[in-house]
Amino acid sequence: MVVIRLVDTAFVVYFWLIIIRVIFSWIPLSSNAVVERVRGFVYELTDPYLNLFRRLLPILNLGGMGLDLSPIIAILALGFIHRIAVSILLQVLVRI
């Protein structure tokens, strides 16, 4: 059961990193070095995953403003993968 908790926690943490990434995208760049280091760290962790969806779903141009829908699709996919992973782990651990 510890393995399931670890996997579950990893998915939840990554979900929140994507949410934080979206919030950072709404906030202008900061002159605070700590904030920018955190922003860079969050972007490094989430961009590879989000880029998978950006290839399929380009940014919508709304009169000079871009709307990136990739985080929404990424979160939906993450939830789906999360459920499948936990389900598989439960089945494997029940057999042991």
PDB file of N, CA and C in Angstrom:
ATOM      1  N   MET A   1       0.809  -1.198   0.000  1.00  0.00           N
ATOM      2  CA  MET A   1       0.000   0.000   0.000  1.00  0.00           C
ATOM      3  C   MET A   1       0.855   1.267   0.000  1.00  0.00           C
ATOM      4  N   VAL A   2       2.088   1.161   0.487  1.00  0.00           N
ATOM      5  CA  VAL A   2       2.989   2.310   0.490  1.00  0.00           C
ATOM      6  C   VAL A   2       3.288   2.746  -0.941  1.00  0.00           C
ATOM      7  N   VAL A   3       3.454   1.785  -1.825  1.00  0.00           N
ATOM      8  CA  VAL A   3       3.742   2.088  -3.228  1.00  0.00           C
ATOM      9  C   VAL A   3       2.582   2.872  -3.842  1.00  0.00           C
ATOM     10  N   ILE A   4       1.371   2.452  -3.547  1.00  0.00           N
ATOM     11  CA  ILE A   4       0.195   3.141  -4.086  1.00  0.00           C
ATOM     12  C   ILE A   4       0.131   4.569  -3.560  1.00  0.00           C
ATOM     13  N   ARG A   5       0.436   4.746  -2.283  1.00  0.00           N
ATOM     14  CA  ARG A   5       0.434   6.102  -1.705  1.00  0.00           C
ATOM     15  C   ARG A   5       1.483   6.981  -2.364  1.00  0.00           C
ATOM     16  N   LEU A   6       2.664   6.426  -2.620  1.00  0.00           N
ATOM     17  CA  LEU A   6       3.726   7.199  -3.272  1.00  0.00           C
ATOM     18  C   LEU A   6       3.328   7.607  -4.688  1.00  0.00           C
ATOM     19  N   VAL A   7       2.776   6.665  -5.434  1.00  0.00           N
ATOM     20  CA  VAL A   7       2.338   6.960  -6.803  1.00  0.00           C
ATOM     21  C   VAL A   7       1.216   7.988  -6.770  1.00  0.00           C
ATOM     22  N   ASP A   8       0.269   7.801  -5.878  1.00  0.00           N
ATOM     23  CA  ASP A   8      -0.845   8.732  -5.746  1.00  0.00           C
ATOM     24  C   ASP A   8      -0.340  10.136  -5.404  1.00  0.00           C
ATOM     25  N   THR A   9       0.575  10.229  -4.458  1.00  0.00           N
ATOM     26  CA  THR A   9       1.142  11.518  -4.060  1.00  0.00           C
ATOM     27  C   THR A   9       1.890  12.173  -5.212  1.00  0.00           C
ATOM     28  N   ALA A  10       2.635  11.386  -5.976  1.00  0.00           N
ATOM     29  CA  ALA A  10       3.370  11.936  -7.120  1.00  0.00           C
ATOM     30  C   ALA A  10       2.410  12.553  -8.137  1.00  0.00           C
ATOM     31  N   PHE A  11       1.315  11.878  -8.419  1.00  0.00           N
ATOM     32  CA  PHE A  11       0.330  12.420  -9.359  1.00  0.00           C
ATOM     33  C   PHE A  11      -0.306  13.703  -8.821  1.00  0.00           C
ATOM     34  N   VAL A  12      -0.630  13.721  -7.540  1.00  0.00           N
ATOM     35  CA  VAL A  12      -1.250  14.909  -6.939  1.00  0.00           C
ATOM     36  C   VAL A  12      -0.277  16.089  -6.956  1.00  0.00           C
ATOM     37  N   VAL A  13       0.970  15.832  -6.621  1.00  0.00           N
ATOM     38  CA  VAL A  13       1.983  16.898  -6.649  1.00  0.00           C
ATOM     39  C   VAL A  13       2.137  17.440  -8.065  1.00  0.00           C
ATOM     40  N   TYR A  14       2.182  16.557  -9.054  1.00  0.00           N
ATOM     41  CA  TYR A  14       2.340  17.009 -10.435  1.00  0.00           C
ATOM     42  C   TYR A  14       1.117  17.801 -10.900  1.00  0.00           C
ATOM     43  N   PHE A  15      -0.068  17.382 -10.471  1.00  0.00           N
ATOM     44  CA  PHE A  15      -1.286  18.143 -10.764  1.00  0.00           C
ATOM     45  C   PHE A  15      -1.136  19.578 -10.257  1.00  0.00           C
ATOM     46  N   TRP A  16      -0.692  19.728  -9.001  1.00  0.00           N
ATOM     47  CA  TRP A  16      -0.546  21.065  -8.427  1.00  0.00           C
ATOM     48  C   TRP A  16       0.570  21.850  -9.094  1.00  0.00           C
ATOM     49  N   LEU A  17       1.608  21.179  -9.553  1.00  0.00           N
ATOM     50  CA  LEU A  17       2.658  21.882 -10.296  1.00  0.00           C
ATOM     51  C   LEU A  17       2.106  22.473 -11.592  1.00  0.00           C
ATOM     52  N   ILE A  18       1.225  21.746 -12.259  1.00  0.00           N
ATOM     53  CA  ILE A  18       0.606  22.276 -13.483  1.00  0.00           C
ATOM     54  C   ILE A  18      -0.275  23.476 -13.144  1.00  0.00           C
ATOM     55  N   ILE A  19      -1.030  23.396 -12.065  1.00  0.00           N
ATOM     56  CA  ILE A  19      -1.868  24.527 -11.639  1.00  0.00           C
ATOM     57  C   ILE A  19      -0.994  25.740 -11.326  1.00  0.00           C
ATOM     58  N   ILE A  20       0.097  25.525 -10.600  1.00  0.00           N
ATOM     59  CA  ILE A  20       1.025  26.618 -10.282  1.00  0.00           C
ATOM     60  C   ILE A  20       1.619  27.188 -11.563  1.00  0.00           C
ATOM     61  N   ARG A  21       1.923  26.315 -12.518  1.00  0.00           N
ATOM     62  CA  ARG A  21       2.462  26.753 -13.820  1.00  0.00           C
ATOM     63  C   ARG A  21       1.481  27.682 -14.522  1.00  0.00           C
ATOM     64  N   VAL A  22       0.205  27.335 -14.488  1.00  0.00           N
ATOM     65  CA  VAL A  22      -0.823  28.178 -15.105  1.00  0.00           C
ATOM     66  C   VAL A  22      -0.885  29.535 -14.400  1.00  0.00           C
ATOM     67  N   ILE A  23      -0.862  29.520 -13.085  1.00  0.00           N
ATOM     68  CA  ILE A  23      -0.912  30.777 -12.324  1.00  0.00           C
ATOM     69  C   ILE A  23       0.304  31.638 -12.648  1.00  0.00           C
ATOM     70  N   PHE A  24       1.488  31.024 -12.698  1.00  0.00           N
ATOM     71  CA  PHE A  24       2.697  31.776 -13.053  1.00  0.00           C
ATOM     72  C   PHE A  24       2.577  32.396 -14.442  1.00  0.00           C
ATOM     73  N   SER A  25       1.892  31.729 -15.351  1.00  0.00           N
ATOM     74  CA  SER A  25       1.766  32.271 -16.707  1.00  0.00           C
ATOM     75  C   SER A  25       0.896  33.529 -16.737  1.00  0.00           C
ATOM     76  N   TRP A  26       0.086  33.731 -15.721  1.00  0.00           N
ATOM     77  CA  TRP A  26      -0.756  34.922 -15.646  1.00  0.00           C
ATOM     78  C   TRP A  26      -0.041  36.097 -14.971  1.00  0.00           C
ATOM     79  N   ILE A  27       1.039  35.801 -14.240  1.00  0.00           N
ATOM     80  CA  ILE A  27       1.741  36.816 -13.459  1.00  0.00           C
ATOM     81  C   ILE A  27       2.933  37.329 -14.268  1.00  0.00           C
ATOM     82  N   PRO A  28       3.107  38.656 -14.337  1.00  0.00           N
ATOM     83  CA  PRO A  28       4.272  39.187 -15.053  1.00  0.00           C
ATOM     84  C   PRO A  28       5.578  38.744 -14.387  1.00  0.00           C
ATOM     85  N   LEU A  29       6.641  38.751 -15.168  1.00  0.00           N
ATOM     86  CA  LEU A  29       7.948  38.391 -14.631  1.00  0.00           C
ATOM     87  C   LEU A  29       8.274  39.270 -13.432  1.00  0.00           C
ATOM     88  N   SER A  30       8.946  38.681 -12.461  1.00  0.00           N
ATOM     89  CA  SER A  30       9.256  39.378 -11.218  1.00  0.00           C
ATOM     90  C   SER A  30      10.730  39.758 -11.188  1.00  0.00           C
ATOM     91  N   SER A  31      11.034  40.801 -10.439  1.00  0.00           N
ATOM     92  CA  SER A  31      12.436  41.158 -10.234  1.00  0.00           C
ATOM     93  C   SER A  31      13.011  40.390  -9.047  1.00  0.00           C
ATOM     94  N   ASN A  32      12.165  39.647  -8.349  1.00  0.00           N
ATOM     95  CA  ASN A  32      12.594  38.843  -7.210  1.00  0.00           C
ATOM     96  C   ASN A  32      13.247  37.563  -7.721  1.00  0.00           C
ATOM     97  N   ALA A  33      14.515  37.377  -7.378  1.00  0.00           N
ATOM     98  CA  ALA A  33      15.274  36.227  -7.875  1.00  0.00           C
ATOM     99  C   ALA A  33      14.697  34.902  -7.387  1.00  0.00           C
ATOM    100  N   VAL A  34      14.197  34.863  -6.164  1.00  0.00           N
ATOM    101  CA  VAL A  34      13.651  33.620  -5.614  1.00  0.00           C
ATOM    102  C   VAL A  34      12.396  33.213  -6.383  1.00  0.00           C
ATOM    103  N   VAL A  35      11.526  34.175  -6.640  1.00  0.00           N
ATOM    104  CA  VAL A  35      10.294  33.889  -7.384  1.00  0.00           C
ATOM    105  C   VAL A  35      10.637  33.370  -8.775  1.00  0.00           C
ATOM    106  N   GLU A  36      11.603  33.985  -9.417  1.00  0.00           N
ATOM    107  CA  GLU A  36      11.985  33.559 -10.766  1.00  0.00           C
ATOM    108  C   GLU A  36      12.645  32.181 -10.770  1.00  0.00           C
ATOM    109  N   ARG A  37      13.384  31.847  -9.710  1.00  0.00           N
ATOM    110  CA  ARG A  37      13.967  30.504  -9.615  1.00  0.00           C
ATOM    111  C   ARG A  37      12.874  29.459  -9.440  1.00  0.00           C
ATOM    112  N   VAL A  38      11.877  29.770  -8.621  1.00  0.00           N
ATOM    113  CA  VAL A  38      10.748  28.848  -8.427  1.00  0.00           C
ATOM    114  C   VAL A  38       9.988  28.703  -9.738  1.00  0.00           C
ATOM    115  N   ARG A  39       9.750  29.823 -10.423  1.00  0.00           N
ATOM    116  CA  ARG A  39       9.053  29.790 -11.708  1.00  0.00           C
ATOM    117  C   ARG A  39       9.825  28.914 -12.696  1.00  0.00           C
ATOM    118  N   GLY A  40      11.131  29.119 -12.784  1.00  0.00           N
ATOM    119  CA  GLY A  40      11.955  28.319 -13.692  1.00  0.00           C
ATOM    120  C   GLY A  40      11.903  26.838 -13.355  1.00  0.00           C
ATOM    121  N   PHE A  41      11.932  26.519 -12.060  1.00  0.00           N
ATOM    122  CA  PHE A  41      11.867  25.128 -11.612  1.00  0.00           C
ATOM    123  C   PHE A  41      10.540  24.490 -12.015  1.00  0.00           C
ATOM    124  N   VAL A  42       9.443  25.202 -11.779  1.00  0.00           N
ATOM    125  CA  VAL A  42       8.114  24.687 -12.128  1.00  0.00           C
ATOM    126  C   VAL A  42       8.000  24.510 -13.639  1.00  0.00           C
ATOM    127  N   TYR A  43       8.504  25.478 -14.407  1.00  0.00           N
ATOM    128  CA  TYR A  43       8.453  25.378 -15.867  1.00  0.00           C
ATOM    129  C   TYR A  43       9.265  24.180 -16.357  1.00  0.00           C
ATOM    130  N   GLU A  44      10.452  23.972 -15.781  1.00  0.00           N
ATOM    131  CA  GLU A  44      11.292  22.833 -16.191  1.00  0.00           C
ATOM    132  C   GLU A  44      10.608  21.502 -15.930  1.00  0.00           C
ATOM    133  N   LEU A  45       9.867  21.418 -14.837  1.00  0.00           N
ATOM    134  CA  LEU A  45       9.186  20.166 -14.501  1.00  0.00           C
ATOM    135  C   LEU A  45       7.937  19.928 -15.341  1.00  0.00           C
ATOM    136  N   THR A  46       7.237  20.984 -15.706  1.00  0.00           N
ATOM    137  CA  THR A  46       5.949  20.811 -16.376  1.00  0.00           C
ATOM    138  C   THR A  46       5.998  20.975 -17.892  1.00  0.00           C
ATOM    139  N   ASP A  47       6.942  21.748 -18.407  1.00  0.00           N
ATOM    140  CA  ASP A  47       6.975  22.000 -19.856  1.00  0.00           C
ATOM    141  C   ASP A  47       7.111  20.744 -20.713  1.00  0.00           C
ATOM    142  N   PRO A  48       7.961  19.779 -20.359  1.00  0.00           N
ATOM    143  CA  PRO A  48       8.037  18.586 -21.224  1.00  0.00           C
ATOM    144  C   PRO A  48       6.687  17.883 -21.377  1.00  0.00           C
ATOM    145  N   TYR A  49       5.943  17.767 -20.299  1.00  0.00           N
ATOM    146  CA  TYR A  49       4.624  17.125 -20.356  1.00  0.00           C
ATOM    147  C   TYR A  49       3.626  17.995 -21.120  1.00  0.00           C
ATOM    148  N   LEU A  50       3.597  19.285 -20.827  1.00  0.00           N
ATOM    149  CA  LEU A  50       2.660  20.181 -21.509  1.00  0.00           C
ATOM    150  C   LEU A  50       2.969  20.292 -22.997  1.00  0.00           C
ATOM    151  N   ASN A  51       4.239  20.220 -23.362  1.00  0.00           N
ATOM    152  CA  ASN A  51       4.620  20.316 -24.777  1.00  0.00           C
ATOM    153  C   ASN A  51       4.050  19.167 -25.603  1.00  0.00           C
ATOM    154  N   LEU A  52       3.837  18.015 -24.986  1.00  0.00           N
ATOM    155  CA  LEU A  52       3.195  16.902 -25.694  1.00  0.00           C
ATOM    156  C   LEU A  52       1.818  17.316 -26.205  1.00  0.00           C
ATOM    157  N   PHE A  53       1.098  18.072 -25.408  1.00  0.00           N
ATOM    158  CA  PHE A  53      -0.254  18.493 -25.759  1.00  0.00           C
ATOM    159  C   PHE A  53      -0.248  19.748 -26.622  1.00  0.00           C
ATOM    160  N   ARG A  54       0.779  20.570 -26.469  1.00  0.00           N
ATOM    161  CA  ARG A  54       0.882  21.780 -27.304  1.00  0.00           C
ATOM    162  C   ARG A  54       1.106  21.428 -28.766  1.00  0.00           C
ATOM    163  N   ARG A  55       1.760  20.304 -29.017  1.00  0.00           N
ATOM    164  CA  ARG A  55       1.953  19.855 -30.399  1.00  0.00           C
ATOM    165  C   ARG A  55       0.618  19.501 -31.052  1.00  0.00           C
ATOM    166  N   LEU A  56      -0.278  18.951 -30.258  1.00  0.00           N
ATOM    167  CA  LEU A  56      -1.588  18.537 -30.771  1.00  0.00           C
ATOM    168  C   LEU A  56      -2.604  19.674 -30.779  1.00  0.00           C
ATOM    169  N   LEU A  57      -2.458  20.591 -29.850  1.00  0.00           N
ATOM    170  CA  LEU A  57      -3.438  21.653 -29.655  1.00  0.00           C
ATOM    171  C   LEU A  57      -2.715  22.998 -29.617  1.00  0.00           C
ATOM    172  N   PRO A  58      -2.616  23.680 -30.749  1.00  0.00           N
ATOM    173  CA  PRO A  58      -1.887  24.953 -30.765  1.00  0.00           C
ATOM    174  C   PRO A  58      -2.596  26.023 -29.932  1.00  0.00           C
ATOM    175  N   ILE A  59      -1.843  27.041 -29.567  1.00  0.00           N
ATOM    176  CA  ILE A  59      -2.386  28.154 -28.794  1.00  0.00           C
ATOM    177  C   ILE A  59      -3.410  28.899 -29.650  1.00  0.00           C
ATOM    178  N   LEU A  60      -4.574  29.151 -29.072  1.00  0.00           N
ATOM    179  CA  LEU A  60      -5.636  29.875 -29.781  1.00  0.00           C
ATOM    180  C   LEU A  60      -5.340  31.370 -29.754  1.00  0.00           C
ATOM    181  N   ASN A  61      -5.481  32.014 -30.896  1.00  0.00           N
ATOM    182  CA  ASN A  61      -5.285  33.456 -30.977  1.00  0.00           C
ATOM    183  C   ASN A  61      -6.634  34.142 -30.809  1.00  0.00           C
ATOM    184  N   LEU A  62      -6.756  34.891 -29.732  1.00  0.00           N
ATOM    185  CA  LEU A  62      -8.012  35.582 -29.433  1.00  0.00           C
ATOM    186  C   LEU A  62      -7.793  37.090 -29.489  1.00  0.00           C
ATOM    187  N   GLY A  63      -7.712  37.617 -30.685  1.00  0.00           N
ATOM    188  CA  GLY A  63      -7.549  39.057 -30.845  1.00  0.00           C
ATOM    189  C   GLY A  63      -6.285  39.605 -30.228  1.00  0.00           C
ATOM    190  N   GLY A  64      -5.167  39.006 -30.522  1.00  0.00           N
ATOM    191  CA  GLY A  64      -3.892  39.478 -29.992  1.00  0.00           C
ATOM    192  C   GLY A  64      -3.500  38.835 -28.676  1.00  0.00           C
ATOM    193  N   MET A  65      -4.379  38.048 -28.112  1.00  0.00           N
ATOM    194  CA  MET A  65      -4.075  37.355 -26.863  1.00  0.00           C
ATOM    195  C   MET A  65      -4.123  35.857 -27.121  1.00  0.00           C
ATOM    196  N   GLY A  66      -3.120  35.141 -26.651  1.00  0.00           N
ATOM    197  CA  GLY A  66      -3.088  33.703 -26.859  1.00  0.00           C
ATOM    198  C   GLY A  66      -3.700  32.951 -25.692  1.00  0.00           C
ATOM    199  N   LEU A  67      -4.446  31.913 -26.001  1.00  0.00           N
ATOM    200  CA  LEU A  67      -5.052  31.068 -24.974  1.00  0.00           C
ATOM    201  C   LEU A  67      -4.509  29.657 -25.143  1.00  0.00           C
ATOM    202  N   ASP A  68      -3.754  29.221 -24.148  1.00  0.00           N
ATOM    203  CA  ASP A  68      -3.135  27.901 -24.172  1.00  0.00           C
ATOM    204  C   ASP A  68      -4.040  26.918 -23.430  1.00  0.00           C
ATOM    205  N   LEU A  69      -4.656  26.010 -24.172  1.00  0.00           N
ATOM    206  CA  LEU A  69      -5.557  25.022 -23.574  1.00  0.00           C
ATOM    207  C   LEU A  69      -4.844  23.734 -23.181  1.00  0.00           C
ATOM    208  N   SER A  70      -3.544  23.661 -23.452  1.00  0.00           N
ATOM    209  CA  SER A  70      -2.814  22.426 -23.161  1.00  0.00           C
ATOM    210  C   SER A  70      -2.857  22.029 -21.683  1.00  0.00           C
ATOM    211  N   PRO A  71      -2.818  22.963 -20.718  1.00  0.00           N
ATOM    212  CA  PRO A  71      -2.904  22.523 -19.318  1.00  0.00           C
ATOM    213  C   PRO A  71      -4.209  21.806 -18.988  1.00  0.00           C
ATOM    214  N   ILE A  72      -5.310  22.223 -19.601  1.00  0.00           N
ATOM    215  CA  ILE A  72      -6.597  21.572 -19.330  1.00  0.00           C
ATOM    216  C   ILE A  72      -6.569  20.128 -19.817  1.00  0.00           C
ATOM    217  N   ILE A  73      -6.112  19.939 -21.052  1.00  0.00           N
ATOM    218  CA  ILE A  73      -6.027  18.588 -21.617  1.00  0.00           C
ATOM    219  C   ILE A  73      -5.006  17.760 -20.843  1.00  0.00           C
ATOM    220  N   ALA A  74      -3.892  18.392 -20.460  1.00  0.00           N
ATOM    221  CA  ALA A  74      -2.848  17.684 -19.711  1.00  0.00           C
ATOM    222  C   ALA A  74      -3.366  17.209 -18.357  1.00  0.00           C
ATOM    223  N   ILE A  75      -4.154  18.033 -17.681  1.00  0.00           N
ATOM    224  CA  ILE A  75      -4.709  17.647 -16.381  1.00  0.00           C
ATOM    225  C   ILE A  75      -5.721  16.517 -16.547  1.00  0.00           C
ATOM    226  N   LEU A  76      -6.547  16.591 -17.573  1.00  0.00           N
ATOM    227  CA  LEU A  76      -7.498  15.501 -17.829  1.00  0.00           C
ATOM    228  C   LEU A  76      -6.760  14.191 -18.108  1.00  0.00           C
ATOM    229  N   ALA A  77      -5.720  14.257 -18.937  1.00  0.00           N
ATOM    230  CA  ALA A  77      -4.934  13.055 -19.245  1.00  0.00           C
ATOM    231  C   ALA A  77      -4.225  12.541 -17.997  1.00  0.00           C
ATOM    232  N   LEU A  78      -3.698  13.454 -17.191  1.00  0.00           N
ATOM    233  CA  LEU A  78      -3.009  13.060 -15.962  1.00  0.00           C
ATOM    234  C   LEU A  78      -3.963  12.328 -15.018  1.00  0.00           C
ATOM    235  N   GLY A  79      -5.186  12.832 -14.897  1.00  0.00           N
ATOM    236  CA  GLY A  79      -6.180  12.165 -14.053  1.00  0.00           C
ATOM    237  C   GLY A  79      -6.512  10.776 -14.558  1.00  0.00           C
ATOM    238  N   PHE A  80      -6.631  10.647 -15.871  1.00  0.00           N
ATOM    239  CA  PHE A  80      -6.916   9.348 -16.479  1.00  0.00           C
ATOM    240  C   PHE A  80      -5.760   8.369 -16.229  1.00  0.00           C
ATOM    241  N   ILE A  81      -4.540   8.819 -16.473  1.00  0.00           N
ATOM    242  CA  ILE A  81      -3.355   7.974 -16.253  1.00  0.00           C
ATOM    243  C   ILE A  81      -3.227   7.626 -14.774  1.00  0.00           C
ATOM    244  N   HIS A  82      -3.525   8.578 -13.910  1.00  0.00           N
ATOM    245  CA  HIS A  82      -3.477   8.363 -12.463  1.00  0.00           C
ATOM    246  C   HIS A  82      -4.404   7.218 -12.060  1.00  0.00           C
ATOM    247  N   ARG A  83      -5.646   7.275 -12.536  1.00  0.00           N
ATOM    248  CA  ARG A  83      -6.609   6.219 -12.197  1.00  0.00           C
ATOM    249  C   ARG A  83      -6.160   4.857 -12.711  1.00  0.00           C
ATOM    250  N   ILE A  84      -5.654   4.828 -13.919  1.00  0.00           N
ATOM    251  CA  ILE A  84      -5.189   3.561 -14.493  1.00  0.00           C
ATOM    252  C   ILE A  84      -4.005   3.015 -13.698  1.00  0.00           C
ATOM    253  N   ALA A  85      -3.049   3.882 -13.374  1.00  0.00           N
ATOM    254  CA  ALA A  85      -1.854   3.440 -12.641  1.00  0.00           C
ATOM    255  C   ALA A  85      -2.220   2.883 -11.270  1.00  0.00           C
ATOM    256  N   VAL A  86      -3.076   3.581 -10.543  1.00  0.00           N
ATOM    257  CA  VAL A  86      -3.480   3.110  -9.214  1.00  0.00           C
ATOM    258  C   VAL A  86      -4.266   1.810  -9.329  1.00  0.00           C
ATOM    259  N   SER A  87      -5.125   1.705 -10.320  1.00  0.00           N
ATOM    260  CA  SER A  87      -5.904   0.482 -10.529  1.00  0.00           C
ATOM    261  C   SER A  87      -4.997  -0.714 -10.814  1.00  0.00           C
ATOM    262  N   ILE A  88      -4.019  -0.514 -11.674  1.00  0.00           N
ATOM    263  CA  ILE A  88      -3.077  -1.599 -11.995  1.00  0.00           C
ATOM    264  C   ILE A  88      -2.283  -1.990 -10.758  1.00  0.00           C
ATOM    265  N   LEU A  89      -1.811  -1.003 -10.010  1.00  0.00           N
ATOM    266  CA  LEU A  89      -1.055  -1.306  -8.793  1.00  0.00           C
ATOM    267  C   LEU A  89      -1.908  -2.064  -7.781  1.00  0.00           C
ATOM    268  N   LEU A  90      -3.158  -1.680  -7.636  1.00  0.00           N
ATOM    269  CA  LEU A  90      -4.053  -2.396  -6.719  1.00  0.00           C
ATOM    270  C   LEU A  90      -4.227  -3.848  -7.143  1.00  0.00           C
ATOM    271  N   GLN A  91      -4.405  -4.080  -8.432  1.00  0.00           N
ATOM    272  CA  GLN A  91      -4.564  -5.449  -8.926  1.00  0.00           C
ATOM    273  C   GLN A  91      -3.297  -6.269  -8.707  1.00  0.00           C
ATOM    274  N   VAL A  92      -2.155  -5.661  -8.932  1.00  0.00           N
ATOM    275  CA  VAL A  92      -0.883  -6.370  -8.746  1.00  0.00           C
ATOM    276  C   VAL A  92      -0.670  -6.688  -7.271  1.00  0.00           C
ATOM    277  N   LEU A  93      -0.930  -5.723  -6.397  1.00  0.00           N
ATOM    278  CA  LEU A  93      -0.695  -5.936  -4.973  1.00  0.00           C
ATOM    279  C   LEU A  93      -1.690  -6.909  -4.357  1.00  0.00           C
ATOM    280  N   VAL A  94      -2.896  -6.982  -4.878  1.00  0.00           N
ATOM    281  CA  VAL A  94      -3.884  -7.936  -4.365  1.00  0.00           C
ATOM    282  C   VAL A  94      -3.444  -9.361  -4.680  1.00  0.00           C
ATOM    283  N   ARG A  95      -2.798  -9.548  -5.814  1.00  0.00           N
ATOM    284  CA  ARG A  95      -2.344 -10.892  -6.211  1.00  0.00           C
ATOM    285  C   ARG A  95      -1.146 -11.369  -5.407  1.00  0.00           C
ATOM    286  N   ILE A  96      -0.428 -10.435  -4.804  1.00  0.00           N
ATOM    287  CA  ILE A  96       0.784 -10.819  -4.047  1.00  0.00           C
ATOM    288  C   ILE A  96       0.410 -11.403  -2.707  1.00  0.00           C
TER     289      ILE A  96
END
